[in-house]
Amino acid sequence: MSNTARLDPHFAAEIMAEPGGEHLLTCMSCGTCAATCLVRRYDPAFNPRLLLRRAGMGLREQVLASAEVWQCSACDACYPRCPQQIHISDVMMAIRSVAIREGYEPPGPFAVVDEAKCSGCAVCTRACPYQAIERVTTTVGGAERAIAHVDHNLCQHCGICVAACPSGAMSLEEYNDRELLTRLGAGGWLDRPGLLQSGQGEPRIAAFVCQWSIHADSEWAALDDLQSDSLRIVRLPCSGRIDAAMILIALTRGADGVLVVGCAEGECHYLRGTYQGRGKVLLLNEMMHQLGLPTGRVLFAESAALDRSVLPRLVNEMRANLTRLPAATPAEMAH
């Protein structure tokens, strides 16, 4: 079958009839969006310009069956630079609406709800940047209850809901609490006394790093080489995935300091993940201050798109600060 035979002359009009899709043909394929796109920095195969071009040409099956349809997280980093002033995310959502209507599904992973644990408190509903979670009434264990329900078509697997859930009912493949603790403690890294406990050696730092804040495989490879007995790096899907419990576990089991690194404000892949991650660290530091504990042990930092080698610099600065802190007293260790 020829390429011409596979073209659908009605496909573009169908997309443009969806809310947000009216600017599909306004795109002039300049590539500015691709140069700006945060997803493309992490996955070079993603190219919104090409997807919109194919949609405009009528390549219906090729467009709707592609993974790219689901990858745009609506961060809108491309919008201020688009010479046509197109909200690419709106056009992508219009294409996604057509895909959903025709039975296509996102590849996942998705946040998962443990119905037995869910209390229906709706904290995750308010925390989700994509309105992907709602409360529904269903029967659990023979009783009718309100619980959280995740819409797979909207979930962007950021993990923010997992950190927000007070009952531990939310989980995310590869980024649930058990998996993150396994990575943190691999090779017996946890449960070794740090400088503030033993008074010897280098400060031991646990760094929780948003996977979108470090932009190239070569940079991640360099960071892997940095890992040692004094530094453990754990990737997060978003800095908003961090929670106070994970930080406190690290501090009470051998880490002298915890560094949380997120995207720069305005560059967050998940809209408000940086805001949520920074807020959690600020609240935890306030709590530690009220308990009389040194607040310099937990820091939040942002990594801008053009800021290369930011993590080694942050780690060195934190090490220098930690060496100036007094050793932990027995009472502080008990906390």
Protein backbone atom coordinates (compact mmCIF):
# COMPACT_ATOMS: atom_id res chain seq x y z
CA MET A 1 0.00 0.00 0.00
CA SER A 2 1.43 3.40 -0.94
CA ASN A 3 1.89 6.28 1.46
CA THR A 4 -0.79 8.21 -0.43
CA ALA A 5 -3.33 5.43 0.17
CA ARG A 6 -2.69 5.61 3.90
CA LEU A 7 -3.42 9.32 4.13
CA ASP A 8 -6.70 10.35 5.76
CA PRO A 9 -7.87 13.69 4.29
CA HIS A 10 -10.28 14.19 7.20
CA PHE A 11 -7.78 13.60 10.03
CA ALA A 12 -6.56 17.18 10.37
CA ALA A 13 -10.12 18.54 10.43
CA GLU A 14 -11.04 16.01 13.12
CA ILE A 15 -8.17 17.19 15.32
CA MET A 16 -8.99 20.85 14.70
CA ALA A 17 -12.57 20.22 15.82
CA GLU A 18 -11.28 19.22 19.27
CA PRO A 19 -10.73 21.92 21.94
CA GLY A 20 -7.15 23.18 21.55
CA GLY A 21 -6.64 21.56 18.16
CA GLU A 22 -7.62 24.55 16.06
CA HIS A 23 -3.96 25.61 15.61
CA LEU A 24 -2.74 22.33 14.14
CA LEU A 25 -2.16 23.81 10.69
CA THR A 26 -0.86 27.10 12.10
CA CYS A 27 2.40 25.31 12.91
CA MET A 28 5.06 26.10 10.29
CA SER A 29 7.43 23.31 11.42
CA CYS A 30 10.24 25.66 12.41
CA GLY A 31 11.45 23.28 15.14
CA THR A 32 11.57 25.87 17.96
CA CYS A 33 9.34 23.65 20.11
CA ALA A 34 11.65 20.67 19.61
CA ALA A 35 14.68 22.74 20.56
CA THR A 36 12.96 23.88 23.75
CA CYS A 37 11.11 20.68 24.72
CA LEU A 38 12.06 19.22 28.08
CA VAL A 39 10.90 15.75 27.02
CA ARG A 40 13.23 15.83 24.03
CA ARG A 41 16.20 16.56 26.26
CA TYR A 42 15.49 13.31 28.06
CA ASP A 43 14.22 11.34 25.05
CA PRO A 44 15.72 12.59 21.74
CA ALA A 45 13.20 10.50 19.78
CA PHE A 46 10.37 12.80 20.87
CA ASN A 47 9.73 15.59 18.36
CA PRO A 48 6.46 17.56 18.61
CA ARG A 49 7.16 19.34 15.32
CA LEU A 50 7.22 16.07 13.39
CA LEU A 51 4.12 14.75 15.12
CA LEU A 52 2.10 17.84 14.22
CA ARG A 53 3.47 17.71 10.68
CA ARG A 54 2.36 14.09 10.26
CA ALA A 55 -1.05 14.87 11.73
CA GLY A 56 -1.49 17.75 9.28
CA MET A 57 -0.56 15.46 6.40
CA GLY A 58 -3.24 12.95 7.42
CA LEU A 59 -1.02 10.11 8.65
CA ARG A 60 -3.74 8.99 11.03
CA GLU A 61 -2.55 5.53 12.07
CA GLN A 62 1.10 6.54 12.37
CA VAL A 63 0.21 9.47 14.63
CA LEU A 64 -2.39 7.80 16.85
CA ALA A 65 -0.32 4.66 17.40
CA SER A 66 2.82 6.59 18.39
CA ALA A 67 4.11 6.88 21.96
CA GLU A 68 4.71 10.60 21.38
CA VAL A 69 0.98 11.29 21.65
CA TRP A 70 1.19 10.59 25.39
CA GLN A 71 4.60 12.06 26.23
CA CYS A 72 3.82 15.80 26.28
CA SER A 73 3.39 16.81 29.93
CA ALA A 74 1.92 20.26 29.15
CA CYS A 75 4.84 22.08 30.81
CA ASP A 76 4.45 24.74 28.06
CA ALA A 77 8.17 25.59 28.07
CA CYS A 78 7.90 25.82 24.28
CA TYR A 79 4.99 28.27 24.18
CA PRO A 80 6.84 31.56 24.97
CA ARG A 81 9.33 30.82 22.18
CA CYS A 82 6.89 29.68 19.49
CA PRO A 83 6.83 32.34 16.72
CA GLN A 84 3.22 31.39 15.94
CA GLN A 85 2.19 31.56 19.63
CA ILE A 86 0.78 28.03 19.55
CA HIS A 87 0.11 26.09 22.71
CA ILE A 88 1.63 22.87 21.43
CA SER A 89 0.36 21.09 24.54
CA ASP A 90 -3.24 21.97 23.59
CA VAL A 91 -2.79 20.56 20.09
CA MET A 92 -1.19 17.43 21.57
CA MET A 93 -4.15 17.06 23.92
CA ALA A 94 -6.53 17.34 20.96
CA ILE A 95 -4.66 14.54 19.16
CA ARG A 96 -4.75 12.52 22.38
CA SER A 97 -8.53 12.99 22.60
CA VAL A 98 -8.93 11.47 19.14
CA ALA A 99 -6.65 8.59 20.13
CA ILE A 100 -8.67 7.89 23.29
CA ARG A 101 -11.92 7.94 21.34
CA GLU A 102 -10.53 5.35 18.94
CA GLY A 103 -9.38 3.01 21.71
CA TYR A 104 -5.66 3.76 21.86
CA GLU A 105 -4.08 3.62 25.32
CA PRO A 106 -0.99 5.23 26.88
CA PRO A 107 1.99 2.91 27.49
CA GLY A 108 2.27 3.62 31.23
CA PRO A 109 3.40 3.11 33.93
CA PHE A 110 0.57 4.54 36.02
CA ALA A 111 -0.06 5.35 39.64
CA VAL A 112 -1.86 2.45 41.30
CA VAL A 113 -4.35 2.61 44.18
CA ASP A 114 -4.46 -0.04 46.91
CA GLU A 115 -8.21 -0.02 47.53
CA ALA A 116 -7.85 -1.72 50.90
CA LYS A 117 -5.61 1.09 52.21
CA CYS A 118 -7.27 4.06 50.51
CA SER A 119 -9.30 6.21 52.93
CA GLY A 120 -10.86 8.39 50.25
CA CYS A 121 -9.32 11.52 51.77
CA ALA A 122 -8.74 13.08 48.32
CA VAL A 123 -5.28 14.43 49.22
CA CYS A 124 -3.92 12.80 46.05
CA THR A 125 -6.74 14.36 44.03
CA ARG A 126 -5.67 17.84 45.11
CA ALA A 127 -1.95 17.10 44.67
CA CYS A 128 -2.13 15.70 41.11
CA PRO A 129 -1.03 18.35 38.56
CA TYR A 130 -3.13 16.73 35.81
CA GLN A 131 -6.51 16.14 37.47
CA ALA A 132 -5.91 12.46 36.79
CA ILE A 133 -7.33 11.28 40.12
CA GLU A 134 -10.90 11.46 41.34
CA ARG A 135 -12.90 9.93 44.14
CA VAL A 136 -15.34 7.22 43.11
CA THR A 137 -17.76 5.14 45.14
CA THR A 138 -17.20 1.40 44.91
CA THR A 139 -17.54 -1.78 46.97
CA VAL A 140 -14.41 -2.80 48.88
CA GLY A 141 -14.52 -5.82 51.19
CA GLY A 142 -18.28 -5.95 51.01
CA ALA A 143 -18.73 -2.32 52.05
CA GLU A 144 -19.44 0.71 49.89
CA ARG A 145 -16.66 3.28 50.14
CA ALA A 146 -15.24 6.34 48.40
CA ILE A 147 -11.72 5.69 47.11
CA ALA A 148 -9.27 7.24 44.66
CA HIS A 149 -9.41 6.27 41.00
CA VAL A 150 -6.61 7.01 38.51
CA ASP A 151 -7.45 7.91 34.91
CA HIS A 152 -4.69 6.24 32.88
CA ASN A 153 -5.29 8.59 29.97
CA LEU A 154 -4.33 11.59 32.12
CA CYS A 155 -1.70 10.13 34.49
CA GLN A 156 1.83 11.31 33.68
CA HIS A 157 3.50 9.01 36.26
CA CYS A 158 5.18 11.83 38.18
CA GLY A 159 4.76 10.12 41.56
CA ILE A 160 3.53 13.27 43.31
CA CYS A 161 0.40 11.44 44.47
CA VAL A 162 2.52 8.67 46.00
CA ALA A 163 4.37 11.17 48.19
CA ALA A 164 1.14 12.98 49.09
CA CYS A 165 -0.89 9.93 50.17
CA PRO A 166 -1.09 9.81 53.99
CA SER A 167 -2.20 6.18 54.09
CA GLY A 168 0.40 4.72 51.72
CA ALA A 169 -2.30 3.58 49.30
CA MET A 170 -0.66 5.04 46.17
CA SER A 171 2.29 3.43 44.42
CA LEU A 172 4.16 3.81 41.15
CA GLU A 173 6.17 1.18 39.36
CA GLU A 174 9.91 1.63 39.93
CA TYR A 175 9.32 4.59 42.27
CA ASN A 176 7.39 3.13 45.18
CA ASP A 177 8.81 3.51 48.69
CA ARG A 178 10.24 -0.01 48.80
CA GLU A 179 12.09 0.44 45.51
CA LEU A 180 13.53 3.83 46.47
CA LEU A 181 14.72 2.52 49.84
CA THR A 182 16.32 -0.45 48.10
CA ARG A 183 18.26 1.91 45.84
CA LEU A 184 19.21 4.14 48.74
CA GLY A 185 20.49 1.24 50.83
CA ALA A 186 22.07 -0.86 48.07
CA GLY A 187 25.38 -2.39 49.07
CA GLY A 188 24.74 -1.63 52.73
CA TRP A 189 25.01 2.14 52.20
CA LEU A 190 22.49 2.80 54.97
CA ASP A 191 23.30 2.01 58.61
CA ARG A 192 26.90 3.23 58.39
CA PRO A 193 27.67 6.06 60.79
CA GLY A 194 28.29 9.43 59.17
CA LEU A 195 30.68 12.20 60.13
CA LEU A 196 28.18 13.83 62.52
CA GLN A 197 27.73 10.56 64.41
CA SER A 198 31.25 9.15 64.36
CA GLY A 199 33.32 12.34 64.06
CA GLN A 200 35.40 10.65 61.37
CA GLY A 201 35.61 10.57 57.57
CA GLU A 202 33.77 12.60 54.95
CA PRO A 203 30.16 13.75 55.35
CA ARG A 204 27.79 11.17 53.87
CA ILE A 205 25.17 12.67 51.55
CA ALA A 206 22.02 11.13 50.08
CA ALA A 207 21.02 13.00 46.90
CA PHE A 208 17.49 12.58 45.55
CA VAL A 209 17.58 13.93 42.00
CA CYS A 210 14.72 14.60 39.57
CA GLN A 211 15.40 12.63 36.39
CA TRP A 212 14.43 15.65 34.29
CA SER A 213 16.89 18.03 35.97
CA ILE A 214 19.90 16.18 34.52
CA HIS A 215 19.52 16.26 30.77
CA ALA A 216 21.97 13.92 29.08
CA ASP A 217 22.96 10.27 29.44
CA SER A 218 26.61 11.34 29.57
CA GLU A 219 25.85 13.55 32.57
CA TRP A 220 24.07 10.72 34.37
CA ALA A 221 27.03 8.42 33.60
CA ALA A 222 29.38 10.99 35.14
CA LEU A 223 27.15 11.16 38.22
CA ASP A 224 27.20 7.38 38.56
CA ASP A 225 30.99 7.59 38.70
CA LEU A 226 30.67 10.04 41.61
CA GLN A 227 28.81 7.57 43.79
CA SER A 228 30.85 6.34 46.73
CA ASP A 229 30.57 5.54 50.41
CA SER A 230 30.10 9.27 51.02
CA LEU A 231 27.53 9.89 48.24
CA ARG A 232 24.45 7.96 47.18
CA ILE A 233 22.36 9.28 44.25
CA VAL A 234 18.74 8.17 43.85
CA ARG A 235 16.73 9.17 40.79
CA LEU A 236 13.18 10.42 41.22
CA PRO A 237 10.58 10.91 38.48
CA CYS A 238 10.07 14.42 39.92
CA SER A 239 11.32 16.29 42.97
CA GLY A 240 7.67 16.42 44.06
CA ARG A 241 7.94 12.65 44.65
CA ILE A 242 10.15 13.19 47.71
CA ASP A 243 8.51 12.96 51.11
CA ALA A 244 9.63 13.75 54.64
CA ALA A 245 9.64 10.10 55.69
CA MET A 246 12.24 9.20 53.03
CA ILE A 247 14.46 12.10 54.09
CA LEU A 248 14.21 11.22 57.78
CA ILE A 249 15.01 7.57 57.10
CA ALA A 250 18.21 8.65 55.35
CA LEU A 251 19.17 11.02 58.19
CA THR A 252 18.55 8.48 60.94
CA ARG A 253 20.39 5.67 59.16
CA GLY A 254 23.79 7.15 58.42
CA ALA A 255 23.40 10.12 56.07
CA ASP A 256 24.80 13.40 57.40
CA GLY A 257 22.85 15.39 54.84
CA VAL A 258 20.10 15.02 52.26
CA LEU A 259 20.12 16.99 49.01
CA VAL A 260 16.96 17.18 46.90
CA VAL A 261 17.46 18.47 43.34
CA GLY A 262 14.60 19.56 41.09
CA CYS A 263 14.15 21.45 37.85
CA ALA A 264 14.43 25.22 37.83
CA GLU A 265 11.19 27.10 38.47
CA GLY A 266 9.40 27.48 35.16
CA GLU A 267 11.16 24.43 33.69
CA CYS A 268 9.43 21.75 35.77
CA HIS A 269 8.37 18.89 33.56
CA TYR A 270 5.36 18.22 35.80
CA LEU A 271 4.06 21.78 36.12
CA ARG A 272 4.37 22.29 39.88
CA GLY A 273 6.64 19.46 40.98
CA THR A 274 9.51 21.82 41.84
CA TYR A 275 7.13 23.94 43.93
CA GLN A 276 5.92 20.90 45.85
CA GLY A 277 9.38 19.42 46.39
CA ARG A 278 10.81 22.71 47.65
CA GLY A 279 7.80 23.22 49.92
CA LYS A 280 8.26 19.84 51.58
CA VAL A 281 11.92 20.54 52.32
CA LEU A 282 11.07 23.98 53.74
CA LEU A 283 8.41 22.48 56.02
CA LEU A 284 10.77 19.73 57.18
CA ASN A 285 13.49 22.27 57.95
CA GLU A 286 11.00 24.33 59.95
CA MET A 287 10.05 21.25 61.94
CA MET A 288 13.72 20.42 62.57
CA HIS A 289 14.34 24.00 63.68
CA GLN A 290 11.50 23.77 66.21
CA LEU A 291 13.04 20.54 67.53
CA GLY A 292 16.41 22.24 67.93
CA LEU A 293 18.05 20.20 65.16
CA PRO A 294 20.47 21.73 62.61
CA THR A 295 18.54 22.70 59.49
CA GLY A 296 21.58 22.69 57.19
CA ARG A 297 21.35 18.92 56.90
CA VAL A 298 18.49 19.07 54.35
CA LEU A 299 18.69 21.28 51.26
CA PHE A 300 16.62 21.78 48.14
CA ALA A 301 18.33 23.02 44.97
CA GLU A 302 17.22 23.72 41.41
CA SER A 303 19.02 22.65 38.26
CA ALA A 304 18.42 24.92 35.26
CA ALA A 305 18.37 23.48 31.74
CA LEU A 306 21.66 25.11 30.78
CA ASP A 307 23.41 24.55 34.11
CA ARG A 308 25.87 21.74 33.45
CA SER A 309 27.63 19.79 36.22
CA VAL A 310 25.37 21.34 38.83
CA LEU A 311 25.22 18.27 41.10
CA PRO A 312 28.98 17.92 41.81
CA ARG A 313 29.06 21.61 42.76
CA LEU A 314 26.03 21.25 45.05
CA VAL A 315 27.50 18.16 46.70
CA ASN A 316 30.84 19.90 47.35
CA GLU A 317 29.06 22.94 48.83
CA MET A 318 26.95 20.73 51.08
CA ARG A 319 29.99 18.77 52.24
CA ALA A 320 31.72 22.00 53.21
CA ASN A 321 28.64 23.12 55.17
CA LEU A 322 28.24 19.79 56.92
CA THR A 323 31.84 19.76 58.14
CA ARG A 324 31.09 23.01 60.01
CA LEU A 325 28.12 21.53 61.90
CA PRO A 326 28.66 20.22 65.43
CA ALA A 327 28.59 16.47 65.98
CA ALA A 328 25.16 15.05 66.82
CA THR A 329 24.39 14.67 70.51
CA PRO A 330 22.77 11.48 71.85
CA ALA A 331 19.48 13.41 72.18
CA GLU A 332 19.62 14.53 68.54
CA MET A 333 20.37 11.00 67.41
CA ALA A 334 17.34 9.81 69.34
CA HIS A 335 15.13 12.22 67.39
